Amino acid sequence: MPGSPAPSHAAETPIDPPLAAALAGLDASGAAMVARTLAWSAINSGSRELAGLKRMQAPLLDALAALPGEVGLAPLEETERVSARGDIEATAHAETLRLRVRPQAPIQVALTGHYDTVFPASHPFQTPVVRADGALHGPGVADMKGGIAVMLAALEAFEATPQAGNVGYEVLLNPDEEIGSPASAPLLKALGARAHVGMTYEPAMATGALVSTRKGSGNYALIVKGRAAHVGRAFGEGRNAVVAAAEAALALNALNAVRPDVTFNVGAIDGGGAVNIVPDRGVLRLNVRAPDLDAQAWAESEIGKIVRALEAKEGLSVHLHGGFSRPPKPLSPALETLIGWTREAGAALGLSLQFGPSGGVCEGNNLAAAGCMNIDTLGPCGGALHSDQEFALPETFPERAKLSLLLLHGFASGRWDPRKLRA
């Protein structure tokens, strides 16, 4: 099982009889969590698959209804998306699922997750299975339908403890995390502004380690419009938008050598068609990762210089669309405190939890930017995310649900006061 034995000097977390019973209940519910995850994995819910996301809502709403509080759907505004031709189009999104429990309690916790996956309905990776080695294999089994199963099991167990009334919480399950949460970002920002602490259910590493800090992420589309011309009769009159986009790609890629802690990844260039026409449209798609706000500002400045250099060329029109949708999540004293509490909770389960930085991003970035410190890898252990080899380790489902339960109980019992994190 991931996670090494806790050191003997670890702080001891008191476990009273009701809490012990709740922990034992989670041990007994491991098979139910796994079965729920496999059933949810079989429902395609790619981020752009509105019909599949709708189908996924029904079992999630049923699961949320087992908890007290108000369950509902929060509609999301349309967002903009750049087509291959460089046109800015409106894009609709499925709803966010929301559960609010005891909003007047003295301590408020934000619990976030997402029910979309990276796999569209056309992708061959659709059917979950249990591998010969016992691991779950399927779309979203780790990222993060398995994480939602762990979250909900922990909350049900927490509600059975006498101190639960001291903590209120809000659960947000979003349909657009895998495309950067463009539509749900305002809900995450508002939730992060009013919660004292956050718990997010991305998968932990297969080794059992959790994530501490995260880089920020920016997604851009550089739209270049040139001038079409007949290659044989008027080649010199054309202005090649694909070549201009390629020049920008080379300039952006060269920035990786200037600041290795900031990455510029040109993911695609759209444009062109028949080879006897000078292409008048080119769209460059770029992702940027930066470890802190200073690095983010530098990256934004360098991108601006490249855009202005293109704009200065006769016959070209350039528009930069997008930006940083996930701010960096750097280490802070408050985050260090929360990590310490999580280590203590792990020690009570016999685990010595390890934390490390990640270049990946998630909703934990959004919460942290709103002042809400959070642990964002509380889901089951797994790996090969965003690939058709994605897996989750079933024995870690009860282990990680118990970790969440101990954190929630620690907040409710007064062992840890998350209100201090916002100070």
Protein backbone atom coordinates (compact mmCIF):
# COMPACT_ATOMS: atom_id res chain seq x y z
CA MET A 1 0.00 0.00 0.00
CA PRO A 2 1.39 3.46 -0.85
CA GLY A 3 2.67 5.42 2.08
CA SER A 4 5.42 4.33 4.43
CA PRO A 5 5.00 3.83 8.18
CA ALA A 6 4.79 7.05 10.15
CA PRO A 7 7.77 8.01 12.31
CA SER A 8 7.30 7.25 15.98
CA HIS A 9 7.66 10.91 16.94
CA ALA A 10 4.65 11.99 14.81
CA ALA A 11 1.99 13.96 16.62
CA GLU A 12 -0.80 11.69 17.81
CA THR A 13 -4.34 12.43 16.64
CA PRO A 14 -6.95 11.53 19.33
CA ILE A 15 -9.46 8.95 18.09
CA ASP A 16 -12.61 8.70 20.20
CA PRO A 17 -15.11 5.81 19.85
CA PRO A 18 -17.45 7.58 17.35
CA LEU A 19 -14.49 8.55 15.18
CA ALA A 20 -13.08 5.02 15.42
CA ALA A 21 -16.44 3.65 14.26
CA ALA A 22 -16.50 6.07 11.32
CA LEU A 23 -12.97 5.03 10.33
CA ALA A 24 -13.92 1.38 10.51
CA GLY A 25 -16.94 2.10 8.35
CA LEU A 26 -14.69 3.55 5.67
CA ASP A 27 -12.52 0.44 5.76
CA ALA A 28 -15.66 -1.60 5.13
CA SER A 29 -16.84 0.66 2.30
CA GLY A 30 -13.80 0.27 0.04
CA ALA A 31 -15.56 -2.14 -2.32
CA ALA A 32 -18.54 0.24 -2.62
CA MET A 33 -16.25 3.15 -3.50
CA VAL A 34 -14.55 1.07 -6.18
CA ALA A 35 -17.85 -0.14 -7.63
CA ARG A 36 -19.16 3.43 -7.76
CA THR A 37 -15.99 4.58 -9.52
CA LEU A 38 -16.20 1.86 -12.16
CA ALA A 39 -19.86 2.66 -12.83
CA TRP A 40 -19.09 6.36 -13.23
CA SER A 41 -16.06 5.66 -15.40
CA ALA A 42 -18.31 3.83 -17.87
CA ILE A 43 -20.23 7.07 -18.54
CA ASN A 44 -18.35 9.17 -21.07
CA SER A 45 -18.11 12.75 -19.82
CA GLY A 46 -15.49 14.43 -21.96
CA SER A 47 -15.28 18.17 -21.31
CA ARG A 48 -16.95 19.03 -24.64
CA GLU A 49 -19.50 16.18 -24.53
CA LEU A 50 -22.59 17.98 -23.24
CA ALA A 51 -24.90 14.96 -23.58
CA GLY A 52 -22.46 12.72 -21.69
CA LEU A 53 -21.93 15.31 -18.97
CA LYS A 54 -25.71 15.50 -18.55
CA ARG A 55 -25.87 11.70 -18.14
CA MET A 56 -23.11 11.90 -15.54
CA GLN A 57 -25.05 14.44 -13.50
CA ALA A 58 -27.84 12.04 -12.53
CA PRO A 59 -25.79 9.54 -10.49
CA LEU A 60 -23.76 12.36 -8.95
CA LEU A 61 -26.90 14.18 -7.82
CA ASP A 62 -28.20 10.94 -6.31
CA ALA A 63 -24.91 10.50 -4.44
CA LEU A 64 -24.92 14.09 -3.16
CA ALA A 65 -28.50 13.68 -1.95
CA ALA A 66 -27.26 11.22 0.69
CA LEU A 67 -25.70 14.18 2.51
CA PRO A 68 -27.58 16.91 4.37
CA GLY A 69 -27.96 20.34 2.87
CA GLU A 70 -29.12 21.86 -0.38
CA VAL A 71 -28.19 20.14 -3.66
CA GLY A 72 -28.56 21.89 -7.00
CA LEU A 73 -27.20 22.73 -10.42
CA ALA A 74 -25.40 26.01 -11.07
CA PRO A 75 -25.56 27.07 -14.75
CA LEU A 76 -22.30 28.28 -16.28
CA GLU A 77 -21.89 31.15 -18.71
CA GLU A 78 -20.72 30.52 -22.25
CA THR A 79 -17.03 31.04 -22.87
CA GLU A 80 -15.01 31.89 -25.95
CA ARG A 81 -13.12 29.37 -28.06
CA VAL A 82 -10.93 30.01 -31.09
CA SER A 83 -11.71 27.88 -34.14
CA ALA A 84 -9.13 26.48 -36.55
CA ARG A 85 -9.97 29.40 -38.88
CA GLY A 86 -9.25 31.93 -36.15
CA ASP A 87 -12.87 32.82 -35.48
CA ILE A 88 -13.87 33.43 -31.85
CA GLU A 89 -16.90 31.28 -31.11
CA ALA A 90 -19.19 30.99 -28.10
CA THR A 91 -18.99 27.63 -26.31
CA ALA A 92 -21.66 26.24 -24.00
CA HIS A 93 -20.88 24.20 -20.88
CA ALA A 94 -22.75 21.77 -18.67
CA GLU A 95 -23.77 22.83 -15.17
CA THR A 96 -21.72 22.70 -11.99
CA LEU A 97 -23.17 20.52 -9.25
CA ARG A 98 -23.28 22.19 -5.85
CA LEU A 99 -24.03 21.01 -2.31
CA ARG A 100 -24.17 23.44 0.61
CA VAL A 101 -24.20 22.12 4.16
CA ARG A 102 -24.41 24.31 7.29
CA PRO A 103 -23.37 27.62 5.70
CA GLN A 104 -23.66 29.35 9.09
CA ALA A 105 -21.21 27.05 10.90
CA PRO A 106 -18.11 28.76 12.33
CA ILE A 107 -15.71 26.85 10.08
CA GLN A 108 -16.29 26.61 6.34
CA VAL A 109 -14.59 24.09 4.07
CA ALA A 110 -14.49 24.12 0.26
CA LEU A 111 -14.47 20.68 -1.36
CA THR A 112 -13.96 20.67 -5.11
CA GLY A 113 -13.83 18.11 -7.87
CA HIS A 114 -14.61 17.70 -11.53
CA TYR A 115 -16.72 15.20 -13.40
CA ASP A 116 -15.32 15.79 -16.87
CA THR A 117 -12.50 13.74 -18.38
CA VAL A 118 -10.07 14.36 -21.23
CA PHE A 119 -11.60 11.59 -23.36
CA PRO A 120 -14.25 12.53 -25.95
CA ALA A 121 -16.94 10.06 -26.97
CA SER A 122 -14.99 9.30 -30.15
CA HIS A 123 -11.93 8.10 -28.21
CA PRO A 124 -11.52 4.29 -28.04
CA PHE A 125 -10.74 4.43 -24.29
CA GLN A 126 -14.25 4.09 -22.85
CA THR A 127 -14.67 0.87 -20.86
CA PRO A 128 -13.29 0.48 -17.32
CA VAL A 129 -11.82 -2.83 -16.20
CA VAL A 130 -9.96 -4.31 -13.25
CA ARG A 131 -6.45 -5.21 -14.39
CA ALA A 132 -4.80 -8.53 -13.63
CA ASP A 133 -2.75 -6.79 -10.92
CA GLY A 134 -5.94 -5.53 -9.27
CA ALA A 135 -5.64 -1.87 -10.34
CA LEU A 136 -8.64 -0.05 -11.80
CA HIS A 137 -8.13 0.92 -15.43
CA GLY A 138 -10.51 3.31 -17.13
CA PRO A 139 -11.25 6.93 -18.03
CA GLY A 140 -11.43 9.02 -14.88
CA VAL A 141 -10.86 6.18 -12.40
CA ALA A 142 -8.16 8.34 -10.82
CA ASP A 143 -8.76 11.76 -12.41
CA MET A 144 -11.17 12.19 -10.87
CA LYS A 145 -14.30 10.09 -10.62
CA GLY A 146 -12.41 8.00 -8.11
CA GLY A 147 -11.60 11.19 -6.24
CA ILE A 148 -15.27 12.15 -6.07
CA ALA A 149 -16.10 8.70 -4.68
CA VAL A 150 -13.48 9.19 -1.95
CA MET A 151 -14.76 12.69 -1.16
CA LEU A 152 -18.39 11.64 -0.77
CA ALA A 153 -17.54 8.58 1.35
CA ALA A 154 -15.47 10.76 3.69
CA LEU A 155 -18.30 13.28 4.03
CA GLU A 156 -20.87 10.58 4.82
CA ALA A 157 -18.56 9.19 7.51
CA PHE A 158 -17.92 12.68 8.89
CA GLU A 159 -21.66 13.34 9.24
CA ALA A 160 -21.86 10.39 11.64
CA THR A 161 -19.46 12.04 14.11
CA PRO A 162 -20.81 14.18 16.99
CA GLN A 163 -18.65 17.22 16.13
CA ALA A 164 -19.82 17.51 12.51
CA GLY A 165 -22.12 20.42 13.31
CA ASN A 166 -19.11 22.67 13.92
CA VAL A 167 -18.14 22.55 10.25
CA GLY A 168 -20.05 23.73 7.22
CA TYR A 169 -18.94 22.88 3.72
CA GLU A 170 -19.66 23.44 0.09
CA VAL A 171 -19.02 20.85 -2.61
CA LEU A 172 -18.51 22.01 -6.20
CA LEU A 173 -18.28 19.39 -8.97
CA ASN A 174 -17.34 21.09 -12.22
CA PRO A 175 -17.69 20.01 -15.88
CA ASP A 176 -14.75 21.94 -17.36
CA GLU A 177 -11.64 21.37 -15.23
CA GLU A 178 -9.81 19.44 -17.91
CA ILE A 179 -9.99 22.46 -20.25
CA GLY A 180 -8.84 24.91 -17.58
CA SER A 181 -12.14 25.66 -15.76
CA PRO A 182 -12.89 28.64 -18.04
CA ALA A 183 -16.58 28.73 -17.11
CA SER A 184 -16.42 27.53 -13.50
CA ALA A 185 -13.53 29.83 -12.50
CA PRO A 186 -15.86 32.54 -11.10
CA LEU A 187 -17.60 29.97 -8.86
CA LEU A 188 -14.23 28.68 -7.64
CA LYS A 189 -13.05 32.22 -6.93
CA ALA A 190 -16.18 33.05 -4.95
CA LEU A 191 -16.01 29.80 -3.00
CA GLY A 192 -12.32 30.32 -2.26
CA ALA A 193 -13.04 33.81 -0.97
CA ARG A 194 -15.53 32.63 1.65
CA ALA A 195 -14.06 29.26 2.76
CA HIS A 196 -11.40 28.94 5.44
CA VAL A 197 -9.72 25.88 3.93
CA GLY A 198 -9.96 23.81 0.77
CA MET A 199 -9.90 20.08 0.01
CA THR A 200 -9.59 19.01 -3.64
CA TYR A 201 -9.67 15.45 -4.91
CA GLU A 202 -7.14 15.12 -7.68
CA PRO A 203 -5.36 11.75 -7.39
CA ALA A 204 -2.31 11.33 -5.22
CA MET A 205 0.78 9.86 -6.84
CA ALA A 206 1.01 6.08 -7.21
CA THR A 207 3.74 6.25 -4.51
CA GLY A 208 1.28 7.87 -2.09
CA ALA A 209 2.87 11.33 -2.28
CA LEU A 210 0.75 14.48 -2.41
CA VAL A 211 1.32 17.79 -4.19
CA SER A 212 2.45 20.88 -2.29
CA THR A 213 2.99 23.72 -4.77
CA ARG A 214 1.87 24.08 -8.38
CA LYS A 215 2.91 26.18 -11.32
CA GLY A 216 0.40 28.52 -12.90
CA SER A 217 -0.92 27.81 -16.38
CA GLY A 218 -1.87 30.06 -19.28
CA ASN A 219 -3.57 28.95 -22.49
CA TYR A 220 -3.32 31.18 -25.55
CA ALA A 221 -4.41 31.25 -29.17
CA LEU A 222 -2.41 33.59 -31.40
CA ILE A 223 -4.62 34.44 -34.37
CA VAL A 224 -2.69 35.62 -37.43
CA LYS A 225 -4.46 36.97 -40.52
CA GLY A 226 -2.46 37.55 -43.67
CA ARG A 227 -3.34 37.97 -47.33
CA ALA A 228 -4.31 35.15 -49.70
CA ALA A 229 -2.78 35.08 -53.18
CA HIS A 230 -2.35 32.77 -56.13
CA VAL A 231 1.04 31.09 -55.76
CA GLY A 232 1.81 31.11 -59.48
CA ARG A 233 0.48 34.52 -60.54
CA ALA A 234 0.85 36.73 -57.45
CA PHE A 235 2.97 34.99 -54.83
CA GLY A 236 4.66 38.24 -53.81
CA GLU A 237 1.31 39.89 -53.10
CA GLY A 238 0.43 37.29 -50.43
CA ARG A 239 1.21 37.43 -46.76
CA ASN A 240 1.65 33.92 -45.36
CA ALA A 241 -0.12 33.65 -42.01
CA VAL A 242 1.09 30.08 -41.39
CA VAL A 243 4.73 31.11 -41.82
CA ALA A 244 4.17 34.05 -39.48
CA ALA A 245 2.65 31.71 -36.89
CA ALA A 246 5.64 29.38 -37.33
CA GLU A 247 8.05 32.27 -36.77
CA ALA A 248 6.20 33.11 -33.57
CA ALA A 249 6.40 29.45 -32.53
CA LEU A 250 10.17 29.44 -32.91
CA ALA A 251 10.50 32.69 -30.94
CA LEU A 252 8.30 31.34 -28.16
CA ASN A 253 10.16 28.05 -28.01
CA ALA A 254 13.46 29.90 -27.71
CA LEU A 255 12.24 31.43 -24.43
CA ASN A 256 12.53 28.00 -22.80
CA ALA A 257 16.30 28.50 -22.83
CA VAL A 258 16.05 31.92 -21.16
CA ARG A 259 14.16 30.86 -18.03
CA PRO A 260 14.06 27.08 -17.59
CA ASP A 261 11.57 27.41 -14.72
CA VAL A 262 9.02 28.78 -17.22
CA THR A 263 7.86 26.52 -20.03
CA PHE A 264 6.40 27.57 -23.39
CA ASN A 265 4.76 24.71 -25.26
CA VAL A 266 3.49 25.30 -28.79
CA GLY A 267 0.80 22.66 -28.98
CA ALA A 268 -0.55 23.20 -32.50
CA ILE A 269 -0.64 25.46 -35.52
CA ASP A 270 -3.85 25.48 -37.53
CA GLY A 271 -4.17 27.01 -40.98
CA GLY A 272 -3.53 26.65 -44.64
CA GLY A 273 -5.01 24.34 -47.23
CA ALA A 274 -4.29 24.01 -50.91
CA VAL A 275 -0.59 24.41 -51.62
CA ASN A 276 -1.21 26.74 -54.58
CA ILE A 277 -2.68 29.41 -52.30
CA VAL A 278 -0.74 31.62 -49.89
CA PRO A 279 -2.57 30.93 -46.59
CA ASP A 280 -4.27 33.93 -45.06
CA ARG A 281 -5.11 32.37 -41.66
CA GLY A 282 -2.92 30.82 -39.00
CA VAL A 283 -3.72 29.96 -35.37
CA LEU A 284 -0.94 29.10 -32.93
CA ARG A 285 -1.99 27.38 -29.71
CA LEU A 286 0.29 27.80 -26.71
CA ASN A 287 0.46 26.69 -23.09
CA VAL A 288 2.72 28.47 -20.58
CA ARG A 289 3.64 27.30 -17.08
CA ALA A 290 5.16 29.62 -14.47
CA PRO A 291 6.12 28.92 -10.82
CA ASP A 292 5.16 32.32 -9.35
CA LEU A 293 3.59 35.66 -10.20
CA ASP A 294 6.93 37.27 -11.11
CA ALA A 295 7.64 34.50 -13.60
CA GLN A 296 4.09 34.78 -14.93
CA ALA A 297 4.53 38.53 -15.48
CA TRP A 298 7.81 37.91 -17.31
CA ALA A 299 6.18 35.32 -19.56
CA GLU A 300 3.29 37.63 -20.36
CA SER A 301 5.71 40.43 -21.19
CA GLU A 302 7.76 38.22 -23.54
CA ILE A 303 4.66 37.00 -25.33
CA GLY A 304 3.61 40.61 -25.80
CA LYS A 305 6.95 41.45 -27.42
CA ILE A 306 6.57 38.61 -29.92
CA VAL A 307 3.02 39.69 -30.76
CA ARG A 308 4.11 43.28 -31.34
CA ALA A 309 6.94 42.14 -33.61
CA LEU A 310 4.45 40.28 -35.78
CA GLU A 311 2.04 43.21 -35.81
CA ALA A 312 4.83 45.42 -37.17
CA LYS A 313 5.03 43.35 -40.35
CA GLU A 314 3.16 44.80 -43.33
CA GLY A 315 0.05 42.89 -44.34
CA LEU A 316 -0.40 40.96 -41.09
CA SER A 317 -3.12 41.33 -38.49
CA VAL A 318 -2.51 39.66 -35.12
CA HIS A 319 -4.76 39.01 -32.12
CA LEU A 320 -3.76 37.24 -28.90
CA HIS A 321 -6.62 35.41 -27.19
CA GLY A 322 -6.50 33.84 -23.72
CA GLY A 323 -4.28 34.17 -20.68
CA PHE A 324 -3.46 32.63 -17.31
CA SER A 325 -6.59 30.87 -16.09
CA ARG A 326 -4.75 29.09 -13.27
CA PRO A 327 -2.54 31.36 -11.16
CA PRO A 328 0.55 29.81 -9.52
CA LYS A 329 0.13 28.11 -6.16
CA PRO A 330 3.42 28.86 -4.35
CA LEU A 331 4.50 27.73 -0.91
CA SER A 332 3.40 30.03 1.91
CA PRO A 333 3.43 29.80 5.72
CA ALA A 334 -0.30 29.03 5.68
CA LEU A 335 0.16 26.23 3.16
CA GLU A 336 3.07 24.85 5.20
CA THR A 337 0.79 24.80 8.25
CA LEU A 338 -1.94 22.93 6.37
CA ILE A 339 0.59 20.43 5.04
CA GLY A 340 1.73 19.87 8.63
CA TRP A 341 -1.83 19.13 9.74
CA THR A 342 -2.25 16.69 6.86
CA ARG A 343 0.96 14.91 7.86
CA GLU A 344 -0.42 14.58 11.41
CA ALA A 345 -3.65 13.09 10.10
CA GLY A 346 -1.65 10.68 7.98
CA ALA A 347 0.49 9.69 10.96
CA ALA A 348 -2.65 8.63 12.83
CA LEU A 349 -3.27 6.18 9.96
CA GLY A 350 0.30 4.89 10.08
CA LEU A 351 1.36 6.87 7.00
CA SER A 352 4.36 9.11 6.53
CA LEU A 353 2.98 11.40 3.85
CA GLN A 354 5.40 13.00 1.42
CA PHE A 355 4.71 16.25 -0.44
CA GLY A 356 6.37 17.69 -3.52
CA PRO A 357 5.92 20.37 -6.19
CA SER A 358 4.08 19.78 -9.45
CA GLY A 359 4.04 21.50 -12.80
CA GLY A 360 0.44 20.37 -13.23
CA VAL A 361 -2.50 22.59 -12.40
CA CYS A 362 -5.95 22.05 -10.91
CA GLU A 363 -8.73 23.80 -9.03
CA GLY A 364 -6.39 24.10 -6.06
CA ASN A 365 -4.66 26.89 -8.00
CA ASN A 366 -7.94 28.80 -8.23
CA LEU A 367 -8.77 28.38 -4.55
CA ALA A 368 -5.29 29.44 -3.45
CA ALA A 369 -5.46 32.56 -5.62
CA ALA A 370 -8.62 33.51 -3.71
CA GLY A 371 -6.80 33.14 -0.38
CA CYS A 372 -8.05 29.64 0.41
CA MET A 373 -5.17 27.33 1.33
CA ASN A 374 -5.86 23.79 0.23
CA ILE A 375 -4.61 20.24 -0.12
CA ASP A 376 -5.46 19.32 -3.69
CA THR A 377 -4.44 15.65 -4.07
CA LEU A 378 -6.75 13.94 -1.59
CA GLY A 379 -8.06 11.39 -4.08
CA PRO A 380 -6.93 7.77 -4.45
CA CYS A 381 -3.42 6.96 -5.58
CA GLY A 382 -3.01 6.45 -9.30
CA GLY A 383 -1.13 7.39 -12.42
CA ALA A 384 -0.85 7.57 -16.23
CA LEU A 385 -3.33 10.44 -16.14
CA HIS A 386 -4.66 11.86 -19.41
CA SER A 387 -3.75 8.66 -21.24
CA ASP A 388 -5.45 5.39 -22.11
CA GLN A 389 -3.30 3.76 -19.42
CA GLU A 390 -4.89 5.69 -16.54
CA PHE A 391 -5.15 3.62 -13.37
CA ALA A 392 -6.13 3.86 -9.71
CA LEU A 393 -5.10 1.63 -6.82
CA PRO A 394 -8.27 0.28 -5.14
CA GLU A 395 -6.66 -0.36 -1.75
CA THR A 396 -6.03 3.38 -1.39
CA PHE A 397 -9.69 4.40 -1.62
CA PRO A 398 -10.50 3.74 2.08
CA GLU A 399 -7.04 4.96 3.13
CA ARG A 400 -7.52 8.35 1.48
CA ALA A 401 -11.15 8.67 2.60
CA LYS A 402 -9.96 8.15 6.16
CA LEU A 403 -7.33 10.86 5.67
CA SER A 404 -10.07 13.32 4.67
CA LEU A 405 -12.22 12.24 7.58
CA LEU A 406 -9.42 12.90 10.05
CA LEU A 407 -8.81 16.35 8.57
CA LEU A 408 -12.50 17.25 8.81
CA HIS A 409 -12.72 15.87 12.34
CA GLY A 410 -9.63 17.84 13.31
CA PHE A 411 -11.28 21.04 12.09
CA ALA A 412 -14.57 20.20 13.84
CA SER A 413 -12.99 19.19 17.16
CA GLY A 414 -10.79 22.28 17.38
CA ARG A 415 -7.53 20.37 17.06
CA TRP A 416 -6.72 22.56 14.05
CA ASP A 417 -8.28 25.94 13.39
CA PRO A 418 -8.41 26.64 9.63
CA ARG A 419 -9.62 30.18 10.30
CA LYS A 420 -6.00 31.01 11.15
CA LEU A 421 -4.95 30.10 7.60
CA ARG A 422 -6.68 33.15 6.19
CA ALA A 423 -5.01 35.47 8.66
